[in-house]
Amino acid sequence: MERVAELDRILAYVDTTAGKPLMVKTLGAVLYLHSIIHLVPNSRFLYVQRRLLDTARSIFHAKRRERKSPETVWYVVPPALCNRRFETEAHQIAAQVRAIHQLVIEGFSELSSERYLTVQYEDLCRNPQHVVARVAQWLGPDVRLRAGARVPPLSPAEARPLTDVALDRVFQQECG
């Protein structure tokens, strides 16, 4: 509850003093989606949805890069996963990815369709200018695209299987 109160103070400060929109670009914000929806009634949400399989692979690679133990639920820990045990690390990551996605879906179910937009990560990779134009149109006429802005090269993790075949098979079955 203390963290929600802190979030409320931060959002109120930004809303009343900065006079600018706040953009939270972190997957961790999904843990506070319900609170943000109610604390900032004019908030709008853009969800760049990635294939669950690619997300699972990405979390696995990041855990290795950050040297997190296989037992650790790392990065964003949905409440449904707290104190839960899993057969394997792959099952844990798959459950984590599904739970995060479910939190987004549940949060968006509280909103009118004008308050959120979902774009596919693969579409963003294939045609970023089109997706950016779609987002700008959704945001409204007060949004201007910055002249000279460049879109960084993006590429979806198309068939980037893991070196551990058994692990990747679980991801494909659970997140496919």
N, C-alpha and C. Protein backbone atom coordinates (compact mmCIF):
# COMPACT_ATOMS: atom_id res chain seq x y z
N MET A 1 0.82 -1.19 0.00
CA MET A 1 0.00 0.00 0.00
C MET A 1 0.87 1.26 0.00
N GLU A 2 2.01 1.18 0.65
CA GLU A 2 2.92 2.32 0.70
C GLU A 2 3.43 2.67 -0.70
N ARG A 3 3.70 1.63 -1.53
CA ARG A 3 4.18 1.87 -2.88
C ARG A 3 3.10 2.53 -3.74
N VAL A 4 1.84 2.17 -3.53
CA VAL A 4 0.75 2.79 -4.28
C VAL A 4 0.62 4.25 -3.87
N ALA A 5 0.76 4.56 -2.59
CA ALA A 5 0.70 5.94 -2.13
C ALA A 5 1.83 6.76 -2.74
N GLU A 6 3.01 6.17 -2.82
CA GLU A 6 4.14 6.86 -3.44
C GLU A 6 3.87 7.11 -4.92
N LEU A 7 3.33 6.12 -5.61
CA LEU A 7 2.98 6.27 -7.01
C LEU A 7 1.94 7.38 -7.18
N ASP A 8 0.96 7.43 -6.29
CA ASP A 8 -0.07 8.47 -6.33
C ASP A 8 0.56 9.86 -6.22
N ARG A 9 1.51 10.02 -5.29
CA ARG A 9 2.18 11.32 -5.12
C ARG A 9 2.97 11.71 -6.37
N ILE A 10 3.67 10.76 -6.96
CA ILE A 10 4.46 11.04 -8.15
C ILE A 10 3.56 11.45 -9.31
N LEU A 11 2.49 10.68 -9.53
CA LEU A 11 1.57 10.99 -10.63
C LEU A 11 0.88 12.33 -10.43
N ALA A 12 0.49 12.62 -9.20
CA ALA A 12 -0.15 13.91 -8.91
C ALA A 12 0.82 15.06 -9.18
N TYR A 13 2.07 14.89 -8.80
CA TYR A 13 3.09 15.93 -9.03
C TYR A 13 3.26 16.17 -10.53
N VAL A 14 3.43 15.12 -11.29
CA VAL A 14 3.63 15.26 -12.72
C VAL A 14 2.42 15.90 -13.37
N ASP A 15 1.23 15.47 -12.96
CA ASP A 15 0.01 15.98 -13.55
C ASP A 15 -0.19 17.46 -13.26
N THR A 16 0.09 17.90 -12.04
CA THR A 16 -0.22 19.29 -11.67
C THR A 16 0.93 20.26 -11.94
N THR A 17 2.16 19.82 -11.87
CA THR A 17 3.25 20.77 -12.00
C THR A 17 3.97 20.74 -13.33
N ALA A 18 4.12 19.60 -13.91
CA ALA A 18 4.91 19.51 -15.14
C ALA A 18 4.11 19.92 -16.37
N GLY A 19 2.81 19.67 -16.35
CA GLY A 19 1.98 20.02 -17.49
C GLY A 19 2.34 19.22 -18.74
N LYS A 20 3.00 18.11 -18.57
CA LYS A 20 3.38 17.28 -19.70
C LYS A 20 2.92 15.85 -19.46
N PRO A 21 2.73 15.14 -20.53
CA PRO A 21 2.32 13.74 -20.35
C PRO A 21 3.45 12.91 -19.75
N LEU A 22 3.08 11.93 -19.02
CA LEU A 22 4.04 11.01 -18.42
C LEU A 22 4.01 9.72 -19.23
N MET A 23 5.17 9.28 -19.62
CA MET A 23 5.25 8.01 -20.32
C MET A 23 6.07 7.06 -19.47
N VAL A 24 5.47 5.94 -19.15
CA VAL A 24 6.17 4.91 -18.39
C VAL A 24 6.47 3.79 -19.36
N LYS A 25 7.74 3.60 -19.63
CA LYS A 25 8.13 2.60 -20.63
C LYS A 25 8.88 1.47 -19.93
N THR A 26 8.14 0.75 -19.14
CA THR A 26 8.73 -0.40 -18.47
C THR A 26 7.66 -1.45 -18.25
N LEU A 27 8.04 -2.65 -18.44
CA LEU A 27 7.09 -3.74 -18.25
C LEU A 27 6.64 -3.83 -16.80
N GLY A 28 7.48 -3.37 -15.88
CA GLY A 28 7.13 -3.40 -14.47
C GLY A 28 5.89 -2.58 -14.14
N ALA A 29 5.57 -1.61 -14.99
CA ALA A 29 4.37 -0.79 -14.76
C ALA A 29 3.11 -1.61 -14.79
N VAL A 30 3.15 -2.77 -15.43
CA VAL A 30 1.96 -3.63 -15.50
C VAL A 30 1.51 -4.06 -14.10
N LEU A 31 2.44 -4.10 -13.16
CA LEU A 31 2.08 -4.47 -11.79
C LEU A 31 1.23 -3.40 -11.12
N TYR A 32 1.27 -2.17 -11.65
CA TYR A 32 0.53 -1.05 -11.08
C TYR A 32 -0.56 -0.54 -12.02
N LEU A 33 -0.84 -1.30 -13.05
CA LEU A 33 -1.79 -0.86 -14.07
C LEU A 33 -3.14 -0.48 -13.48
N HIS A 34 -3.68 -1.32 -12.62
CA HIS A 34 -4.98 -1.03 -11.99
C HIS A 34 -4.94 0.30 -11.25
N SER A 35 -3.87 0.54 -10.50
CA SER A 35 -3.74 1.79 -9.74
C SER A 35 -3.62 2.99 -10.67
N ILE A 36 -2.81 2.87 -11.71
CA ILE A 36 -2.63 3.98 -12.65
C ILE A 36 -3.95 4.32 -13.33
N ILE A 37 -4.70 3.30 -13.71
CA ILE A 37 -5.99 3.51 -14.37
C ILE A 37 -6.90 4.37 -13.51
N HIS A 38 -6.88 4.13 -12.20
CA HIS A 38 -7.78 4.86 -11.31
C HIS A 38 -7.19 6.17 -10.79
N LEU A 39 -5.88 6.22 -10.63
CA LEU A 39 -5.26 7.44 -10.12
C LEU A 39 -5.16 8.52 -11.20
N VAL A 40 -5.03 8.12 -12.44
CA VAL A 40 -4.92 9.07 -13.54
C VAL A 40 -6.04 8.75 -14.53
N PRO A 41 -7.23 9.32 -14.28
CA PRO A 41 -8.40 8.94 -15.07
C PRO A 41 -8.31 9.27 -16.56
N ASN A 42 -7.42 10.17 -16.95
CA ASN A 42 -7.27 10.49 -18.37
C ASN A 42 -6.09 9.75 -19.00
N SER A 43 -5.55 8.80 -18.28
CA SER A 43 -4.38 8.07 -18.80
C SER A 43 -4.75 7.25 -20.02
N ARG A 44 -3.75 7.06 -20.87
CA ARG A 44 -3.90 6.23 -22.06
C ARG A 44 -2.73 5.26 -22.08
N PHE A 45 -2.97 4.09 -22.67
CA PHE A 45 -1.98 3.03 -22.60
C PHE A 45 -1.69 2.46 -23.99
N LEU A 46 -0.42 2.41 -24.28
CA LEU A 46 0.06 1.79 -25.51
C LEU A 46 0.77 0.50 -25.13
N TYR A 47 0.32 -0.60 -25.68
CA TYR A 47 0.89 -1.90 -25.39
C TYR A 47 1.54 -2.43 -26.66
N VAL A 48 2.85 -2.54 -26.62
CA VAL A 48 3.57 -3.15 -27.73
C VAL A 48 3.66 -4.63 -27.39
N GLN A 49 2.82 -5.40 -28.02
CA GLN A 49 2.69 -6.82 -27.70
C GLN A 49 3.67 -7.64 -28.54
N ARG A 50 4.47 -8.40 -27.84
CA ARG A 50 5.45 -9.27 -28.48
C ARG A 50 4.95 -10.71 -28.37
N ARG A 51 5.35 -11.55 -29.30
CA ARG A 51 4.98 -12.96 -29.21
C ARG A 51 5.48 -13.50 -27.88
N LEU A 52 4.63 -14.27 -27.19
CA LEU A 52 4.99 -14.79 -25.88
C LEU A 52 6.26 -15.65 -25.95
N LEU A 53 6.41 -16.41 -27.01
CA LEU A 53 7.60 -17.24 -27.17
C LEU A 53 8.87 -16.38 -27.21
N ASP A 54 8.82 -15.29 -27.98
CA ASP A 54 9.99 -14.39 -28.05
C ASP A 54 10.27 -13.75 -26.70
N THR A 55 9.21 -13.39 -25.98
CA THR A 55 9.39 -12.79 -24.66
C THR A 55 10.03 -13.80 -23.70
N ALA A 56 9.57 -15.03 -23.74
CA ALA A 56 10.15 -16.07 -22.87
C ALA A 56 11.63 -16.26 -23.17
N ARG A 57 11.97 -16.35 -24.44
CA ARG A 57 13.38 -16.49 -24.82
C ARG A 57 14.20 -15.30 -24.36
N SER A 58 13.63 -14.11 -24.50
CA SER A 58 14.34 -12.90 -24.09
C SER A 58 14.60 -12.88 -22.58
N ILE A 59 13.62 -13.26 -21.79
CA ILE A 59 13.80 -13.32 -20.34
C ILE A 59 14.87 -14.34 -19.99
N PHE A 60 14.84 -15.48 -20.65
CA PHE A 60 15.85 -16.50 -20.38
C PHE A 60 17.26 -15.96 -20.66
N HIS A 61 17.44 -15.33 -21.82
CA HIS A 61 18.75 -14.78 -22.17
C HIS A 61 19.17 -13.68 -21.18
N ALA A 62 18.22 -12.84 -20.79
CA ALA A 62 18.53 -11.77 -19.85
C ALA A 62 18.92 -12.32 -18.48
N LYS A 63 18.22 -13.36 -18.05
CA LYS A 63 18.59 -13.98 -16.76
C LYS A 63 20.02 -14.50 -16.80
N ARG A 64 20.41 -15.08 -17.91
CA ARG A 64 21.78 -15.59 -18.04
C ARG A 64 22.78 -14.44 -18.05
N ARG A 65 22.44 -13.40 -18.79
CA ARG A 65 23.32 -12.23 -18.88
C ARG A 65 23.51 -11.57 -17.51
N GLU A 66 22.43 -11.52 -16.73
CA GLU A 66 22.46 -10.89 -15.41
C GLU A 66 22.90 -11.85 -14.32
N ARG A 67 23.19 -13.08 -14.70
CA ARG A 67 23.65 -14.12 -13.77
C ARG A 67 22.65 -14.41 -12.65
N LYS A 68 21.39 -14.48 -13.03
CA LYS A 68 20.33 -14.84 -12.08
C LYS A 68 20.20 -16.35 -12.03
N SER A 69 19.94 -16.86 -10.87
CA SER A 69 19.82 -18.31 -10.72
C SER A 69 18.55 -18.80 -11.42
N PRO A 70 18.55 -20.05 -11.86
CA PRO A 70 17.36 -20.60 -12.53
C PRO A 70 16.12 -20.57 -11.64
N GLU A 71 16.28 -20.60 -10.32
CA GLU A 71 15.13 -20.60 -9.41
C GLU A 71 14.52 -19.21 -9.24
N THR A 72 15.23 -18.17 -9.64
CA THR A 72 14.78 -16.80 -9.43
C THR A 72 13.74 -16.39 -10.46
N VAL A 73 12.59 -15.90 -9.98
CA VAL A 73 11.63 -15.25 -10.87
C VAL A 73 12.14 -13.82 -10.99
N TRP A 74 12.63 -13.48 -12.16
CA TRP A 74 13.39 -12.25 -12.32
C TRP A 74 12.65 -11.22 -13.15
N TYR A 75 12.89 -9.99 -12.85
CA TYR A 75 12.45 -8.78 -13.55
C TYR A 75 11.06 -8.36 -13.11
N VAL A 76 10.02 -8.89 -13.68
CA VAL A 76 8.66 -8.55 -13.28
C VAL A 76 8.06 -9.81 -12.66
N VAL A 77 7.66 -9.68 -11.39
CA VAL A 77 7.12 -10.84 -10.68
C VAL A 77 5.62 -10.62 -10.44
N PRO A 78 4.78 -11.19 -11.29
CA PRO A 78 3.34 -11.05 -11.09
C PRO A 78 2.93 -11.68 -9.76
N PRO A 79 1.93 -11.11 -9.10
CA PRO A 79 1.49 -11.64 -7.81
C PRO A 79 1.15 -13.13 -7.84
N ALA A 80 0.63 -13.60 -8.96
CA ALA A 80 0.26 -15.02 -9.07
C ALA A 80 1.46 -15.95 -8.96
N LEU A 81 2.66 -15.43 -9.14
CA LEU A 81 3.85 -16.28 -9.11
C LEU A 81 4.59 -16.24 -7.77
N CYS A 82 4.20 -15.34 -6.89
CA CYS A 82 4.88 -15.23 -5.60
C CYS A 82 4.75 -16.55 -4.84
N ASN A 83 5.86 -17.01 -4.33
CA ASN A 83 5.93 -18.23 -3.52
C ASN A 83 5.44 -19.49 -4.24
N ARG A 84 5.45 -19.48 -5.54
CA ARG A 84 5.02 -20.64 -6.30
C ARG A 84 6.26 -21.41 -6.78
N ARG A 85 6.20 -22.71 -6.77
CA ARG A 85 7.30 -23.55 -7.22
C ARG A 85 6.98 -24.10 -8.61
N PHE A 86 8.02 -24.30 -9.40
CA PHE A 86 7.84 -24.77 -10.77
C PHE A 86 8.70 -25.99 -11.03
N GLU A 87 8.23 -26.80 -11.95
CA GLU A 87 8.96 -28.02 -12.31
C GLU A 87 10.34 -27.68 -12.87
N THR A 88 10.41 -26.68 -13.75
CA THR A 88 11.69 -26.27 -14.35
C THR A 88 11.70 -24.75 -14.50
N GLU A 89 12.87 -24.24 -14.80
CA GLU A 89 13.00 -22.81 -15.08
C GLU A 89 12.15 -22.41 -16.28
N ALA A 90 12.11 -23.25 -17.28
CA ALA A 90 11.31 -22.95 -18.47
C ALA A 90 9.82 -22.83 -18.12
N HIS A 91 9.33 -23.70 -17.26
CA HIS A 91 7.93 -23.60 -16.82
C HIS A 91 7.69 -22.30 -16.04
N GLN A 92 8.67 -21.92 -15.23
CA GLN A 92 8.55 -20.67 -14.47
C GLN A 92 8.49 -19.47 -15.41
N ILE A 93 9.39 -19.40 -16.37
CA ILE A 93 9.42 -18.27 -17.30
C ILE A 93 8.14 -18.24 -18.14
N ALA A 94 7.70 -19.39 -18.60
CA ALA A 94 6.46 -19.44 -19.39
C ALA A 94 5.27 -18.94 -18.57
N ALA A 95 5.18 -19.37 -17.32
CA ALA A 95 4.09 -18.90 -16.44
C ALA A 95 4.20 -17.40 -16.21
N GLN A 96 5.42 -16.91 -16.05
CA GLN A 96 5.65 -15.48 -15.84
C GLN A 96 5.17 -14.68 -17.05
N VAL A 97 5.54 -15.11 -18.24
CA VAL A 97 5.16 -14.40 -19.46
C VAL A 97 3.64 -14.40 -19.63
N ARG A 98 3.01 -15.53 -19.40
CA ARG A 98 1.54 -15.60 -19.51
C ARG A 98 0.87 -14.72 -18.45
N ALA A 99 1.39 -14.72 -17.23
CA ALA A 99 0.79 -13.92 -16.15
C ALA A 99 0.92 -12.43 -16.42
N ILE A 100 2.06 -12.01 -16.94
CA ILE A 100 2.24 -10.59 -17.28
C ILE A 100 1.23 -10.19 -18.36
N HIS A 101 1.12 -11.00 -19.39
CA HIS A 101 0.17 -10.71 -20.47
C HIS A 101 -1.26 -10.66 -19.92
N GLN A 102 -1.58 -11.57 -19.03
CA GLN A 102 -2.92 -11.61 -18.44
C GLN A 102 -3.20 -10.33 -17.62
N LEU A 103 -2.19 -9.82 -16.91
CA LEU A 103 -2.36 -8.57 -16.16
C LEU A 103 -2.71 -7.42 -17.09
N VAL A 104 -2.08 -7.37 -18.24
CA VAL A 104 -2.38 -6.32 -19.22
C VAL A 104 -3.81 -6.47 -19.72
N ILE A 105 -4.18 -7.67 -20.08
CA ILE A 105 -5.53 -7.92 -20.60
C ILE A 105 -6.58 -7.54 -19.54
N GLU A 106 -6.37 -7.95 -18.31
CA GLU A 106 -7.31 -7.62 -17.23
C GLU A 106 -7.38 -6.12 -16.99
N GLY A 107 -6.23 -5.46 -16.99
CA GLY A 107 -6.21 -4.01 -16.80
C GLY A 107 -6.96 -3.29 -17.91
N PHE A 108 -6.71 -3.69 -19.15
CA PHE A 108 -7.36 -3.05 -20.28
C PHE A 108 -8.86 -3.32 -20.30
N SER A 109 -9.30 -4.40 -19.69
CA SER A 109 -10.73 -4.69 -19.67
C SER A 109 -11.50 -3.65 -18.86
N GLU A 110 -10.80 -2.89 -18.01
CA GLU A 110 -11.43 -1.83 -17.23
C GLU A 110 -11.58 -0.53 -18.02
N LEU A 111 -10.98 -0.48 -19.21
CA LEU A 111 -10.89 0.76 -19.97
C LEU A 111 -11.83 0.76 -21.17
N SER A 112 -12.20 1.96 -21.58
CA SER A 112 -12.89 2.09 -22.86
C SER A 112 -11.82 1.91 -23.95
N SER A 113 -12.24 1.50 -25.12
CA SER A 113 -11.29 1.22 -26.20
C SER A 113 -10.50 2.45 -26.63
N GLU A 114 -10.96 3.65 -26.33
CA GLU A 114 -10.22 4.86 -26.69
C GLU A 114 -9.00 5.07 -25.80
N ARG A 115 -8.97 4.41 -24.66
CA ARG A 115 -7.88 4.65 -23.71
C ARG A 115 -6.69 3.72 -23.88
N TYR A 116 -6.78 2.75 -24.78
CA TYR A 116 -5.62 1.89 -24.99
C TYR A 116 -5.50 1.50 -26.46
N LEU A 117 -4.27 1.21 -26.83
CA LEU A 117 -3.98 0.76 -28.18
C LEU A 117 -2.94 -0.34 -28.08
N THR A 118 -3.16 -1.41 -28.80
CA THR A 118 -2.20 -2.51 -28.85
C THR A 118 -1.61 -2.55 -30.25
N VAL A 119 -0.29 -2.58 -30.31
CA VAL A 119 0.40 -2.77 -31.58
C VAL A 119 1.29 -3.99 -31.44
N GLN A 120 1.48 -4.67 -32.52
CA GLN A 120 2.31 -5.87 -32.51
C GLN A 120 3.77 -5.49 -32.70
N TYR A 121 4.62 -6.06 -31.90
CA TYR A 121 6.06 -5.80 -31.98
C TYR A 121 6.58 -6.12 -33.38
N GLU A 122 6.13 -7.21 -33.96
CA GLU A 122 6.58 -7.60 -35.28
C GLU A 122 6.20 -6.55 -36.32
N ASP A 123 5.01 -5.94 -36.20
CA ASP A 123 4.60 -4.86 -37.11
C ASP A 123 5.52 -3.65 -36.94
N LEU A 124 5.86 -3.35 -35.71
CA LEU A 124 6.78 -2.25 -35.44
C LEU A 124 8.13 -2.50 -36.09
N CYS A 125 8.59 -3.73 -36.04
CA CYS A 125 9.87 -4.07 -36.67
C CYS A 125 9.81 -3.99 -38.19
N ARG A 126 8.71 -4.45 -38.76
CA ARG A 126 8.59 -4.49 -40.22
C ARG A 126 8.33 -3.12 -40.82
N ASN A 127 7.50 -2.32 -40.15
CA ASN A 127 7.10 -1.04 -40.74
C ASN A 127 6.94 0.01 -39.64
N PRO A 128 8.06 0.47 -39.06
CA PRO A 128 7.97 1.39 -37.92
C PRO A 128 7.27 2.70 -38.25
N GLN A 129 7.46 3.23 -39.44
CA GLN A 129 6.83 4.51 -39.78
C GLN A 129 5.31 4.39 -39.76
N HIS A 130 4.79 3.28 -40.26
CA HIS A 130 3.34 3.07 -40.26
C HIS A 130 2.80 2.97 -38.83
N VAL A 131 3.49 2.22 -37.99
CA VAL A 131 3.03 2.04 -36.60
C VAL A 131 3.11 3.36 -35.84
N VAL A 132 4.19 4.11 -36.03
CA VAL A 132 4.32 5.40 -35.35
C VAL A 132 3.21 6.35 -35.81
N ALA A 133 2.91 6.36 -37.09
CA ALA A 133 1.82 7.21 -37.59
C ALA A 133 0.48 6.78 -36.99
N ARG A 134 0.27 5.48 -36.85
CA ARG A 134 -0.98 4.97 -36.24
C ARG A 134 -1.08 5.41 -34.78
N VAL A 135 0.02 5.34 -34.05
CA VAL A 135 0.03 5.76 -32.65
C VAL A 135 -0.23 7.26 -32.56
N ALA A 136 0.41 8.04 -33.43
CA ALA A 136 0.20 9.50 -33.42
C ALA A 136 -1.26 9.84 -33.70
N GLN A 137 -1.86 9.14 -34.63
CA GLN A 137 -3.27 9.38 -34.93
C GLN A 137 -4.15 9.04 -33.73
N TRP A 138 -3.84 7.95 -33.05
CA TRP A 138 -4.60 7.54 -31.86
C TRP A 138 -4.46 8.58 -30.75
N LEU A 139 -3.26 9.14 -30.60
CA LEU A 139 -3.04 10.14 -29.54
C LEU A 139 -3.76 11.45 -29.81
N GLY A 140 -3.98 11.78 -31.08
CA GLY A 140 -4.77 12.96 -31.39
C GLY A 140 -3.99 14.05 -32.10
N PRO A 141 -4.71 15.12 -32.47
CA PRO A 141 -4.13 16.17 -33.30
C PRO A 141 -3.04 17.01 -32.61
N ASP A 142 -2.98 16.98 -31.28
CA ASP A 142 -1.96 17.76 -30.59
C ASP A 142 -0.58 17.11 -30.63
N VAL A 143 -0.52 15.90 -31.12
CA VAL A 143 0.76 15.19 -31.18
C VAL A 143 1.41 15.46 -32.53
N ARG A 144 2.65 15.88 -32.46
CA ARG A 144 3.41 16.13 -33.68
C ARG A 144 4.59 15.18 -33.70
N LEU A 145 4.84 14.63 -34.87
CA LEU A 145 6.03 13.81 -35.02
C LEU A 145 7.22 14.75 -35.13
N ARG A 146 8.26 14.45 -34.43
CA ARG A 146 9.44 15.29 -34.43
C ARG A 146 10.15 15.20 -35.77
N ALA A 147 10.41 16.34 -36.37
CA ALA A 147 11.10 16.36 -37.66
C ALA A 147 12.52 15.86 -37.47
N GLY A 148 12.93 15.01 -38.38
CA GLY A 148 14.31 14.52 -38.33
C GLY A 148 14.52 13.34 -37.40
N ALA A 149 13.49 12.92 -36.70
CA ALA A 149 13.65 11.78 -35.79
C ALA A 149 13.93 10.53 -36.62
N ARG A 150 14.80 9.71 -36.09
CA ARG A 150 15.13 8.46 -36.78
C ARG A 150 14.57 7.28 -36.02
N VAL A 151 14.18 6.30 -36.75
CA VAL A 151 13.69 5.07 -36.15
C VAL A 151 14.86 4.10 -36.10
N PRO A 152 15.20 3.62 -34.91
CA PRO A 152 16.33 2.67 -34.84
C PRO A 152 15.98 1.37 -35.54
N PRO A 153 16.98 0.71 -36.07
CA PRO A 153 16.69 -0.58 -36.71
C PRO A 153 16.26 -1.61 -35.66
N LEU A 154 15.14 -2.21 -35.90
CA LEU A 154 14.61 -3.22 -34.99
C LEU A 154 14.46 -4.51 -35.76
N SER A 155 14.56 -5.60 -35.05
CA SER A 155 14.31 -6.88 -35.71
C SER A 155 13.70 -7.84 -34.71
N PRO A 156 12.62 -8.48 -35.09
CA PRO A 156 12.03 -9.46 -34.18
C PRO A 156 12.94 -10.66 -34.05
N ALA A 157 12.82 -11.33 -32.94
CA ALA A 157 13.64 -12.52 -32.70
C ALA A 157 12.98 -13.69 -33.42
N GLU A 158 12.89 -13.63 -34.73
CA GLU A 158 12.17 -14.63 -35.52
C GLU A 158 12.55 -16.03 -35.08
N ALA A 159 13.29 -16.78 -35.60
CA ALA A 159 13.55 -18.14 -35.15
C ALA A 159 14.88 -18.17 -34.41
N ARG A 160 14.90 -17.65 -33.22
CA ARG A 160 16.13 -17.65 -32.43
C ARG A 160 15.96 -18.64 -31.28
N PRO A 161 16.00 -19.92 -31.59
CA PRO A 161 15.80 -20.91 -30.54
C PRO A 161 16.97 -20.91 -29.57
N LEU A 162 16.71 -21.43 -28.42
CA LEU A 162 17.75 -21.54 -27.42
C LEU A 162 18.65 -22.73 -27.75
N THR A 163 19.83 -22.72 -27.18
CA THR A 163 20.72 -23.85 -27.40
C THR A 163 20.26 -25.08 -26.63
N ASP A 164 19.47 -24.87 -25.60
CA ASP A 164 18.92 -25.98 -24.83
C ASP A 164 17.59 -26.39 -25.47
N VAL A 165 17.61 -27.47 -26.22
CA VAL A 165 16.44 -27.90 -26.98
C VAL A 165 15.26 -28.23 -26.07
N ALA A 166 15.50 -28.90 -24.96
CA ALA A 166 14.41 -29.27 -24.05
C ALA A 166 13.75 -28.02 -23.47
N LEU A 167 14.56 -27.04 -23.09
CA LEU A 167 14.04 -25.78 -22.55
C LEU A 167 13.19 -25.06 -23.60
N ASP A 168 13.71 -24.97 -24.81
CA ASP A 168 12.99 -24.28 -25.86
C ASP A 168 11.69 -25.02 -26.21
N ARG A 169 11.68 -26.33 -26.12
CA ARG A 169 10.47 -27.10 -26.40
C ARG A 169 9.38 -26.73 -25.39
N VAL A 170 9.74 -26.57 -24.13
CA VAL A 170 8.77 -26.15 -23.11
C VAL A 170 8.22 -24.78 -23.46
N PHE A 171 9.10 -23.84 -23.84
CA PHE A 171 8.64 -22.50 -24.22
C PHE A 171 7.67 -22.58 -25.39
N GLN A 172 7.99 -23.38 -26.39
CA GLN A 172 7.13 -23.50 -27.55
C GLN A 172 5.77 -24.10 -27.18
N GLN A 173 5.77 -25.08 -26.31
CA GLN A 173 4.51 -25.70 -25.88
C GLN A 173 3.69 -24.75 -25.01
N GLU A 174 4.35 -24.04 -24.11
CA GLU A 174 3.65 -23.20 -23.13
C GLU A 174 3.29 -21.82 -23.69
N CYS A 175 4.13 -21.28 -24.58
CA CYS A 175 3.94 -19.90 -25.06
C CYS A 175 3.65 -19.81 -26.55
N GLY A 176 3.87 -20.91 -27.25
CA GLY A 176 3.74 -21.04 -28.69
C GLY A 176 3.12 -19.97 -29.42
